[in-house]
Amino acid sequence: MTSTQQAGSSSNQPPVLAQQTFAAAWDRHCQSIHAAGRGSSHTVLRGADERDHHVARKIMDWLGTDEGMDFLALAESMMGNLHDKRDAYAAAWGATNYAGTDGWRLIERLLIDSHFRGEPIRPILSPRDHEMADLLITWLGTGEGQNFLARCDALMASAAPIPN
């Protein structure tokens, strides 16, 4: 099992390294897709505006957190029961993005951009925000998405852990 498939809390890498790895790998991936105009993520990014890129980047940043790593592990655990890896990521997203006891969905928490008196203000999300999140999450189950996760895993594995 790779580190992206393990729960984040069991990783020997500091959370900031994982977040930076996913963010940097996503930036490089987007640059290569835009330059070449190919790949399945091109479908996700086709016609993407600044907001779409913002939503995608927030999700990529989140994947490098303990919660994001737990999501990846959940998706991996579901793959044996589902026909398609994309279905496993969609099911894991459904389980992770639900409105918890506080009434907030994960996507809302990820896209908080303002506070009032120290409390977060619930963002108003468009249907396109939800669609971008769903498309990106299911893209992780494609061959290209799996390669992306493997590259992130290799980058994290090659980084020296910070001694305690």
N, C-alpha and C. Protein backbone atom coordinates (compact mmCIF):
# COMPACT_ATOMS: atom_id res chain seq x y z
N MET A 1 0.86 -1.18 0.00
CA MET A 1 0.00 0.00 0.00
C MET A 1 0.90 1.24 0.00
N THR A 2 0.62 2.18 -0.86
CA THR A 2 1.42 3.40 -0.96
C THR A 2 0.99 4.42 0.08
N SER A 3 1.81 5.44 0.26
CA SER A 3 1.49 6.43 1.30
C SER A 3 0.22 7.22 0.97
N THR A 4 -0.10 7.39 -0.33
CA THR A 4 -1.34 8.09 -0.64
C THR A 4 -2.54 7.20 -0.39
N GLN A 5 -2.32 5.91 -0.26
CA GLN A 5 -3.41 5.00 0.02
C GLN A 5 -3.57 4.74 1.51
N GLN A 6 -2.60 5.17 2.31
CA GLN A 6 -2.68 5.00 3.75
C GLN A 6 -3.40 6.20 4.34
N ALA A 7 -3.91 6.01 5.53
CA ALA A 7 -4.47 7.15 6.23
C ALA A 7 -3.35 8.13 6.49
N GLY A 8 -3.63 9.41 6.36
CA GLY A 8 -2.61 10.44 6.51
C GLY A 8 -1.93 10.42 7.85
N SER A 9 -2.64 10.06 8.90
CA SER A 9 -2.05 10.10 10.22
C SER A 9 -0.94 9.07 10.38
N SER A 10 -0.89 8.06 9.49
CA SER A 10 0.16 7.06 9.61
C SER A 10 1.37 7.40 8.75
N SER A 11 1.30 8.48 7.98
CA SER A 11 2.40 8.86 7.12
C SER A 11 3.56 9.40 7.95
N ASN A 12 4.79 9.13 7.48
CA ASN A 12 5.94 9.65 8.19
C ASN A 12 6.35 11.03 7.68
N GLN A 13 5.59 11.59 6.77
CA GLN A 13 5.88 12.91 6.24
C GLN A 13 5.02 13.96 6.95
N PRO A 14 5.60 15.12 7.18
CA PRO A 14 4.79 16.18 7.79
C PRO A 14 3.67 16.60 6.84
N PRO A 15 2.51 16.99 7.40
CA PRO A 15 1.37 17.35 6.55
C PRO A 15 1.68 18.43 5.54
N VAL A 16 2.52 19.40 5.90
CA VAL A 16 2.82 20.49 4.97
C VAL A 16 3.51 19.95 3.73
N LEU A 17 4.40 18.96 3.89
CA LEU A 17 5.07 18.38 2.74
C LEU A 17 4.07 17.73 1.80
N ALA A 18 3.13 16.98 2.34
CA ALA A 18 2.13 16.33 1.50
C ALA A 18 1.29 17.37 0.77
N GLN A 19 0.86 18.41 1.46
CA GLN A 19 0.07 19.46 0.81
C GLN A 19 0.87 20.14 -0.29
N GLN A 20 2.13 20.44 -0.01
CA GLN A 20 2.98 21.09 -1.01
C GLN A 20 3.20 20.17 -2.21
N THR A 21 3.35 18.87 -1.93
CA THR A 21 3.56 17.90 -3.01
C THR A 21 2.36 17.86 -3.94
N PHE A 22 1.17 17.73 -3.38
CA PHE A 22 -0.03 17.68 -4.22
C PHE A 22 -0.21 18.99 -4.99
N ALA A 23 0.00 20.11 -4.33
CA ALA A 23 -0.18 21.41 -4.99
C ALA A 23 0.81 21.58 -6.13
N ALA A 24 2.07 21.27 -5.88
CA ALA A 24 3.10 21.44 -6.92
C ALA A 24 2.88 20.45 -8.07
N ALA A 25 2.52 19.21 -7.74
CA ALA A 25 2.28 18.21 -8.78
C ALA A 25 1.07 18.62 -9.64
N TRP A 26 0.03 19.18 -9.00
CA TRP A 26 -1.14 19.63 -9.76
C TRP A 26 -0.77 20.79 -10.66
N ASP A 27 0.01 21.73 -10.15
CA ASP A 27 0.43 22.86 -10.99
C ASP A 27 1.20 22.37 -12.22
N ARG A 28 2.15 21.44 -12.00
CA ARG A 28 2.92 20.90 -13.13
C ARG A 28 2.01 20.15 -14.10
N HIS A 29 1.07 19.41 -13.56
CA HIS A 29 0.15 18.65 -14.40
C HIS A 29 -0.69 19.60 -15.26
N CYS A 30 -1.23 20.64 -14.66
CA CYS A 30 -2.04 21.61 -15.42
C CYS A 30 -1.22 22.28 -16.50
N GLN A 31 0.01 22.63 -16.19
CA GLN A 31 0.88 23.26 -17.18
C GLN A 31 1.13 22.33 -18.36
N SER A 32 1.38 21.05 -18.07
CA SER A 32 1.64 20.11 -19.15
C SER A 32 0.39 19.84 -19.98
N ILE A 33 -0.77 19.78 -19.33
CA ILE A 33 -2.03 19.56 -20.06
C ILE A 33 -2.33 20.74 -20.96
N HIS A 34 -2.16 21.96 -20.42
CA HIS A 34 -2.43 23.15 -21.24
C HIS A 34 -1.45 23.24 -22.41
N ALA A 35 -0.21 22.86 -22.17
CA ALA A 35 0.80 22.94 -23.23
C ALA A 35 0.53 21.90 -24.32
N ALA A 36 0.15 20.69 -23.91
CA ALA A 36 -0.04 19.61 -24.87
C ALA A 36 -1.47 19.50 -25.38
N GLY A 37 -2.43 19.99 -24.59
CA GLY A 37 -3.83 19.89 -24.98
C GLY A 37 -4.32 18.46 -25.07
N ARG A 38 -3.87 17.63 -24.13
CA ARG A 38 -4.25 16.22 -24.18
C ARG A 38 -4.52 15.71 -22.77
N GLY A 39 -4.94 14.46 -22.70
CA GLY A 39 -5.16 13.81 -21.41
C GLY A 39 -6.60 13.92 -20.96
N SER A 40 -7.00 13.00 -20.08
CA SER A 40 -8.39 12.99 -19.62
C SER A 40 -8.70 14.17 -18.73
N SER A 41 -7.69 14.74 -18.05
CA SER A 41 -7.99 15.91 -17.22
C SER A 41 -8.29 17.12 -18.09
N HIS A 42 -7.90 17.03 -19.37
CA HIS A 42 -8.24 18.11 -20.28
C HIS A 42 -9.75 18.28 -20.34
N THR A 43 -10.48 17.17 -20.23
CA THR A 43 -11.93 17.23 -20.22
C THR A 43 -12.42 17.98 -18.99
N VAL A 44 -11.79 17.75 -17.85
CA VAL A 44 -12.16 18.45 -16.62
C VAL A 44 -11.84 19.93 -16.75
N LEU A 45 -10.72 20.24 -17.35
CA LEU A 45 -10.27 21.63 -17.42
C LEU A 45 -10.74 22.37 -18.68
N ARG A 46 -11.35 21.66 -19.61
CA ARG A 46 -11.82 22.32 -20.84
C ARG A 46 -12.84 23.39 -20.47
N GLY A 47 -12.59 24.59 -20.91
CA GLY A 47 -13.50 25.70 -20.62
C GLY A 47 -13.43 26.18 -19.18
N ALA A 48 -12.43 25.69 -18.43
CA ALA A 48 -12.33 26.07 -17.02
C ALA A 48 -11.98 27.55 -16.89
N ASP A 49 -12.68 28.19 -15.97
CA ASP A 49 -12.37 29.59 -15.69
C ASP A 49 -11.56 29.67 -14.39
N GLU A 50 -11.31 30.87 -13.96
CA GLU A 50 -10.50 31.08 -12.75
C GLU A 50 -11.12 30.40 -11.53
N ARG A 51 -12.42 30.46 -11.41
CA ARG A 51 -13.10 29.83 -10.27
C ARG A 51 -12.93 28.31 -10.32
N ASP A 52 -13.07 27.71 -11.50
CA ASP A 52 -12.89 26.27 -11.64
C ASP A 52 -11.49 25.85 -11.19
N HIS A 53 -10.50 26.61 -11.61
CA HIS A 53 -9.12 26.31 -11.20
C HIS A 53 -8.95 26.47 -9.69
N HIS A 54 -9.63 27.45 -9.12
CA HIS A 54 -9.58 27.67 -7.67
C HIS A 54 -10.17 26.46 -6.94
N VAL A 55 -11.31 25.97 -7.39
CA VAL A 55 -11.95 24.80 -6.78
C VAL A 55 -11.03 23.59 -6.88
N ALA A 56 -10.48 23.36 -8.07
CA ALA A 56 -9.58 22.21 -8.27
C ALA A 56 -8.35 22.32 -7.37
N ARG A 57 -7.79 23.50 -7.29
CA ARG A 57 -6.58 23.68 -6.47
C ARG A 57 -6.88 23.45 -4.99
N LYS A 58 -8.03 23.91 -4.50
CA LYS A 58 -8.40 23.69 -3.10
C LYS A 58 -8.53 22.20 -2.80
N ILE A 59 -9.10 21.46 -3.74
CA ILE A 59 -9.23 20.01 -3.56
C ILE A 59 -7.85 19.36 -3.56
N MET A 60 -6.99 19.77 -4.46
CA MET A 60 -5.64 19.20 -4.50
C MET A 60 -4.88 19.52 -3.21
N ASP A 61 -5.01 20.74 -2.71
CA ASP A 61 -4.37 21.08 -1.43
C ASP A 61 -4.91 20.16 -0.33
N TRP A 62 -6.22 19.94 -0.32
CA TRP A 62 -6.86 19.11 0.69
C TRP A 62 -6.39 17.66 0.63
N LEU A 63 -6.15 17.14 -0.59
CA LEU A 63 -5.71 15.76 -0.71
C LEU A 63 -4.41 15.51 0.05
N GLY A 64 -3.62 16.54 0.25
CA GLY A 64 -2.36 16.39 0.99
C GLY A 64 -2.52 16.48 2.50
N THR A 65 -3.74 16.67 2.98
CA THR A 65 -3.98 16.72 4.43
C THR A 65 -4.28 15.32 4.95
N ASP A 66 -4.28 15.17 6.26
CA ASP A 66 -4.65 13.88 6.85
C ASP A 66 -6.04 13.46 6.38
N GLU A 67 -6.98 14.40 6.37
CA GLU A 67 -8.33 14.09 5.93
C GLU A 67 -8.35 13.66 4.46
N GLY A 68 -7.56 14.34 3.64
CA GLY A 68 -7.47 13.97 2.23
C GLY A 68 -6.85 12.59 2.04
N MET A 69 -5.82 12.30 2.82
CA MET A 69 -5.20 10.97 2.76
C MET A 69 -6.19 9.90 3.21
N ASP A 70 -7.00 10.22 4.23
CA ASP A 70 -8.03 9.27 4.66
C ASP A 70 -9.04 9.02 3.54
N PHE A 71 -9.39 10.07 2.81
CA PHE A 71 -10.29 9.94 1.66
C PHE A 71 -9.68 9.00 0.62
N LEU A 72 -8.40 9.19 0.30
CA LEU A 72 -7.74 8.32 -0.68
C LEU A 72 -7.73 6.87 -0.22
N ALA A 73 -7.50 6.67 1.07
CA ALA A 73 -7.51 5.31 1.62
C ALA A 73 -8.92 4.70 1.53
N LEU A 74 -9.92 5.51 1.80
CA LEU A 74 -11.31 5.03 1.70
C LEU A 74 -11.63 4.63 0.26
N ALA A 75 -11.24 5.46 -0.69
CA ALA A 75 -11.48 5.14 -2.10
C ALA A 75 -10.77 3.84 -2.47
N GLU A 76 -9.55 3.69 -2.03
CA GLU A 76 -8.78 2.47 -2.31
C GLU A 76 -9.48 1.25 -1.73
N SER A 77 -10.01 1.38 -0.52
CA SER A 77 -10.67 0.25 0.13
C SER A 77 -11.97 -0.13 -0.59
N MET A 78 -12.58 0.81 -1.30
CA MET A 78 -13.83 0.54 -2.00
C MET A 78 -13.61 -0.06 -3.39
N MET A 79 -12.40 -0.01 -3.89
CA MET A 79 -12.15 -0.44 -5.27
C MET A 79 -12.45 -1.91 -5.51
N GLY A 80 -12.26 -2.74 -4.51
CA GLY A 80 -12.53 -4.16 -4.70
C GLY A 80 -14.00 -4.48 -4.84
N ASN A 81 -14.86 -3.59 -4.36
CA ASN A 81 -16.30 -3.84 -4.38
C ASN A 81 -17.02 -3.19 -5.56
N LEU A 82 -16.32 -2.37 -6.30
CA LEU A 82 -16.95 -1.62 -7.39
C LEU A 82 -16.28 -1.96 -8.71
N HIS A 83 -17.02 -1.86 -9.78
CA HIS A 83 -16.54 -2.24 -11.11
C HIS A 83 -15.46 -1.28 -11.63
N ASP A 84 -15.58 -0.02 -11.32
CA ASP A 84 -14.73 1.01 -11.90
C ASP A 84 -14.10 1.84 -10.78
N LYS A 85 -12.82 2.15 -10.93
CA LYS A 85 -12.14 2.96 -9.91
C LYS A 85 -12.79 4.34 -9.76
N ARG A 86 -13.31 4.86 -10.84
CA ARG A 86 -13.99 6.17 -10.76
C ARG A 86 -15.17 6.09 -9.82
N ASP A 87 -15.87 4.96 -9.84
CA ASP A 87 -17.00 4.76 -8.92
C ASP A 87 -16.54 4.75 -7.47
N ALA A 88 -15.37 4.18 -7.22
CA ALA A 88 -14.83 4.14 -5.86
C ALA A 88 -14.53 5.55 -5.36
N TYR A 89 -13.94 6.38 -6.21
CA TYR A 89 -13.66 7.75 -5.80
C TYR A 89 -14.95 8.55 -5.61
N ALA A 90 -15.93 8.32 -6.49
CA ALA A 90 -17.21 9.01 -6.35
C ALA A 90 -17.91 8.60 -5.06
N ALA A 91 -17.87 7.31 -4.74
CA ALA A 91 -18.51 6.83 -3.50
C ALA A 91 -17.78 7.37 -2.27
N ALA A 92 -16.47 7.37 -2.32
CA ALA A 92 -15.69 7.91 -1.19
C ALA A 92 -15.96 9.41 -1.02
N TRP A 93 -16.09 10.13 -2.13
CA TRP A 93 -16.40 11.56 -2.08
C TRP A 93 -17.78 11.77 -1.46
N GLY A 94 -18.73 10.95 -1.86
CA GLY A 94 -20.08 11.05 -1.29
C GLY A 94 -20.05 10.85 0.21
N ALA A 95 -19.28 9.89 0.67
CA ALA A 95 -19.18 9.63 2.10
C ALA A 95 -18.42 10.72 2.84
N THR A 96 -17.48 11.35 2.18
CA THR A 96 -16.64 12.36 2.81
C THR A 96 -17.24 13.76 2.73
N ASN A 97 -17.97 14.04 1.66
CA ASN A 97 -18.50 15.38 1.41
C ASN A 97 -19.86 15.62 2.05
N TYR A 98 -20.42 14.63 2.74
CA TYR A 98 -21.75 14.79 3.33
C TYR A 98 -21.75 15.91 4.37
N ALA A 99 -22.91 16.47 4.61
CA ALA A 99 -23.05 17.51 5.64
C ALA A 99 -22.99 16.84 7.00
N GLY A 100 -21.97 17.18 7.76
CA GLY A 100 -21.79 16.59 9.08
C GLY A 100 -22.72 17.23 10.11
N THR A 101 -22.42 16.99 11.36
CA THR A 101 -23.26 17.50 12.44
C THR A 101 -23.31 19.03 12.46
N ASP A 102 -22.28 19.66 11.88
CA ASP A 102 -22.29 21.13 11.82
C ASP A 102 -23.08 21.66 10.63
N GLY A 103 -23.56 20.76 9.76
CA GLY A 103 -24.35 21.18 8.62
C GLY A 103 -23.54 21.62 7.41
N TRP A 104 -22.24 21.56 7.50
CA TRP A 104 -21.37 21.99 6.39
C TRP A 104 -20.89 20.79 5.60
N ARG A 105 -20.91 20.91 4.28
CA ARG A 105 -20.29 19.91 3.41
C ARG A 105 -18.79 20.21 3.34
N LEU A 106 -18.02 19.20 3.03
CA LEU A 106 -16.57 19.38 2.90
C LEU A 106 -16.24 20.45 1.87
N ILE A 107 -16.89 20.42 0.72
CA ILE A 107 -16.60 21.38 -0.33
C ILE A 107 -16.83 22.81 0.15
N GLU A 108 -17.80 23.00 1.03
CA GLU A 108 -18.04 24.34 1.59
C GLU A 108 -16.87 24.75 2.49
N ARG A 109 -16.42 23.83 3.31
CA ARG A 109 -15.28 24.15 4.19
C ARG A 109 -14.03 24.45 3.39
N LEU A 110 -13.82 23.71 2.30
CA LEU A 110 -12.62 23.94 1.47
C LEU A 110 -12.64 25.30 0.80
N LEU A 111 -13.83 25.80 0.51
CA LEU A 111 -13.93 27.04 -0.26
C LEU A 111 -14.26 28.26 0.59
N ILE A 112 -14.13 28.15 1.90
CA ILE A 112 -14.33 29.32 2.77
C ILE A 112 -13.31 30.38 2.38
N ASP A 113 -13.79 31.58 2.14
CA ASP A 113 -12.86 32.65 1.81
C ASP A 113 -13.05 33.90 2.66
N SER A 114 -13.99 33.86 3.61
CA SER A 114 -14.15 35.02 4.47
C SER A 114 -14.71 34.61 5.83
N HIS A 115 -14.48 35.48 6.79
CA HIS A 115 -14.93 35.26 8.17
C HIS A 115 -15.61 36.52 8.69
N PHE A 116 -16.47 36.35 9.66
CA PHE A 116 -17.10 37.47 10.35
C PHE A 116 -16.99 37.20 11.84
N ARG A 117 -16.33 38.12 12.52
CA ARG A 117 -16.11 37.98 13.97
C ARG A 117 -15.51 36.63 14.33
N GLY A 118 -14.55 36.23 13.51
CA GLY A 118 -13.84 34.99 13.77
C GLY A 118 -14.53 33.72 13.32
N GLU A 119 -15.75 33.83 12.85
CA GLU A 119 -16.50 32.65 12.39
C GLU A 119 -16.50 32.61 10.86
N PRO A 120 -16.36 31.41 10.29
CA PRO A 120 -16.38 31.32 8.83
C PRO A 120 -17.77 31.64 8.27
N ILE A 121 -17.77 32.27 7.14
CA ILE A 121 -19.02 32.55 6.43
C ILE A 121 -19.19 31.47 5.37
N ARG A 122 -20.34 30.82 5.40
CA ARG A 122 -20.60 29.75 4.44
C ARG A 122 -20.55 30.31 3.02
N PRO A 123 -19.70 29.73 2.17
CA PRO A 123 -19.63 30.23 0.79
C PRO A 123 -20.87 29.82 0.00
N ILE A 124 -21.22 30.63 -0.95
CA ILE A 124 -22.32 30.29 -1.86
C ILE A 124 -21.68 29.59 -3.05
N LEU A 125 -22.00 28.31 -3.19
CA LEU A 125 -21.40 27.52 -4.26
C LEU A 125 -22.36 27.40 -5.43
N SER A 126 -21.80 27.45 -6.60
CA SER A 126 -22.60 27.30 -7.81
C SER A 126 -22.68 25.82 -8.18
N PRO A 127 -23.64 25.46 -9.02
CA PRO A 127 -23.66 24.08 -9.52
C PRO A 127 -22.34 23.72 -10.21
N ARG A 128 -21.72 24.69 -10.86
CA ARG A 128 -20.43 24.44 -11.53
C ARG A 128 -19.35 24.09 -10.51
N ASP A 129 -19.36 24.71 -9.31
CA ASP A 129 -18.39 24.37 -8.27
C ASP A 129 -18.52 22.89 -7.90
N HIS A 130 -19.76 22.45 -7.70
CA HIS A 130 -19.99 21.04 -7.36
C HIS A 130 -19.59 20.12 -8.51
N GLU A 131 -19.91 20.54 -9.72
CA GLU A 131 -19.56 19.74 -10.90
C GLU A 131 -18.04 19.62 -11.05
N MET A 132 -17.32 20.71 -10.85
CA MET A 132 -15.87 20.68 -10.94
C MET A 132 -15.29 19.72 -9.90
N ALA A 133 -15.82 19.79 -8.68
CA ALA A 133 -15.35 18.89 -7.62
C ALA A 133 -15.61 17.43 -8.01
N ASP A 134 -16.82 17.14 -8.47
CA ASP A 134 -17.16 15.77 -8.86
C ASP A 134 -16.29 15.27 -10.01
N LEU A 135 -16.10 16.11 -11.01
CA LEU A 135 -15.27 15.72 -12.16
C LEU A 135 -13.84 15.44 -11.74
N LEU A 136 -13.29 16.30 -10.91
CA LEU A 136 -11.91 16.12 -10.46
C LEU A 136 -11.76 14.86 -9.62
N ILE A 137 -12.71 14.64 -8.72
CA ILE A 137 -12.64 13.46 -7.85
C ILE A 137 -12.72 12.18 -8.69
N THR A 138 -13.64 12.12 -9.64
CA THR A 138 -13.74 10.90 -10.45
C THR A 138 -12.55 10.76 -11.39
N TRP A 139 -11.95 11.88 -11.80
CA TRP A 139 -10.74 11.84 -12.63
C TRP A 139 -9.63 11.07 -11.91
N LEU A 140 -9.59 11.14 -10.58
CA LEU A 140 -8.57 10.40 -9.83
C LEU A 140 -8.63 8.90 -10.10
N GLY A 141 -9.79 8.40 -10.48
CA GLY A 141 -9.95 6.98 -10.77
C GLY A 141 -9.59 6.58 -12.19
N THR A 142 -9.25 7.54 -13.03
CA THR A 142 -8.82 7.23 -14.41
C THR A 142 -7.35 6.83 -14.39
N GLY A 143 -6.88 6.30 -15.49
CA GLY A 143 -5.46 5.96 -15.59
C GLY A 143 -4.58 7.17 -15.34
N GLU A 144 -4.97 8.29 -15.93
CA GLU A 144 -4.18 9.52 -15.74
C GLU A 144 -4.21 9.97 -14.29
N GLY A 145 -5.37 9.89 -13.66
CA GLY A 145 -5.47 10.26 -12.26
C GLY A 145 -4.66 9.34 -11.36
N GLN A 146 -4.69 8.04 -11.67
CA GLN A 146 -3.91 7.08 -10.89
C GLN A 146 -2.41 7.34 -11.06
N ASN A 147 -1.99 7.70 -12.28
CA ASN A 147 -0.59 8.06 -12.51
C ASN A 147 -0.21 9.31 -11.72
N PHE A 148 -1.12 10.27 -11.68
CA PHE A 148 -0.89 11.49 -10.92
C PHE A 148 -0.68 11.15 -9.44
N LEU A 149 -1.55 10.32 -8.87
CA LEU A 149 -1.42 9.93 -7.47
C LEU A 149 -0.12 9.17 -7.23
N ALA A 150 0.26 8.32 -8.17
CA ALA A 150 1.52 7.57 -8.04
C ALA A 150 2.72 8.52 -8.05
N ARG A 151 2.67 9.57 -8.89
CA ARG A 151 3.76 10.56 -8.91
C ARG A 151 3.83 11.31 -7.58
N CYS A 152 2.67 11.67 -7.04
CA CYS A 152 2.66 12.34 -5.73
C CYS A 152 3.25 11.43 -4.67
N ASP A 153 2.87 10.18 -4.71
CA ASP A 153 3.38 9.21 -3.74
C ASP A 153 4.90 9.08 -3.85
N ALA A 154 5.39 8.99 -5.08
CA ALA A 154 6.84 8.87 -5.29
C ALA A 154 7.57 10.10 -4.79
N LEU A 155 7.01 11.27 -5.05
CA LEU A 155 7.64 12.51 -4.58
C LEU A 155 7.69 12.55 -3.05
N MET A 156 6.61 12.14 -2.39
CA MET A 156 6.60 12.13 -0.93
C MET A 156 7.55 11.08 -0.38
N ALA A 157 7.62 9.94 -1.02
CA ALA A 157 8.49 8.86 -0.56
C ALA A 157 9.96 9.24 -0.71
N SER A 158 10.28 10.04 -1.72
CA SER A 158 11.68 10.41 -1.95
C SER A 158 12.15 11.55 -1.05
N ALA A 159 11.22 12.24 -0.42
CA ALA A 159 11.60 13.34 0.48
C ALA A 159 12.01 12.76 1.83
N ALA A 160 13.07 13.30 2.37
CA ALA A 160 13.55 12.83 3.67
C ALA A 160 12.59 13.32 4.77
N PRO A 161 12.16 12.39 5.62
CA PRO A 161 11.28 12.83 6.72
C PRO A 161 12.03 13.72 7.70
N ILE A 162 11.30 14.61 8.32
CA ILE A 162 11.89 15.48 9.33
C ILE A 162 12.02 14.69 10.62
N PRO A 163 13.23 14.60 11.19
CA PRO A 163 13.40 13.83 12.42
C PRO A 163 12.61 14.43 13.58
N ASN A 164 12.15 13.55 14.46
CA ASN A 164 11.40 14.02 15.64
C ASN A 164 12.31 14.67 16.65
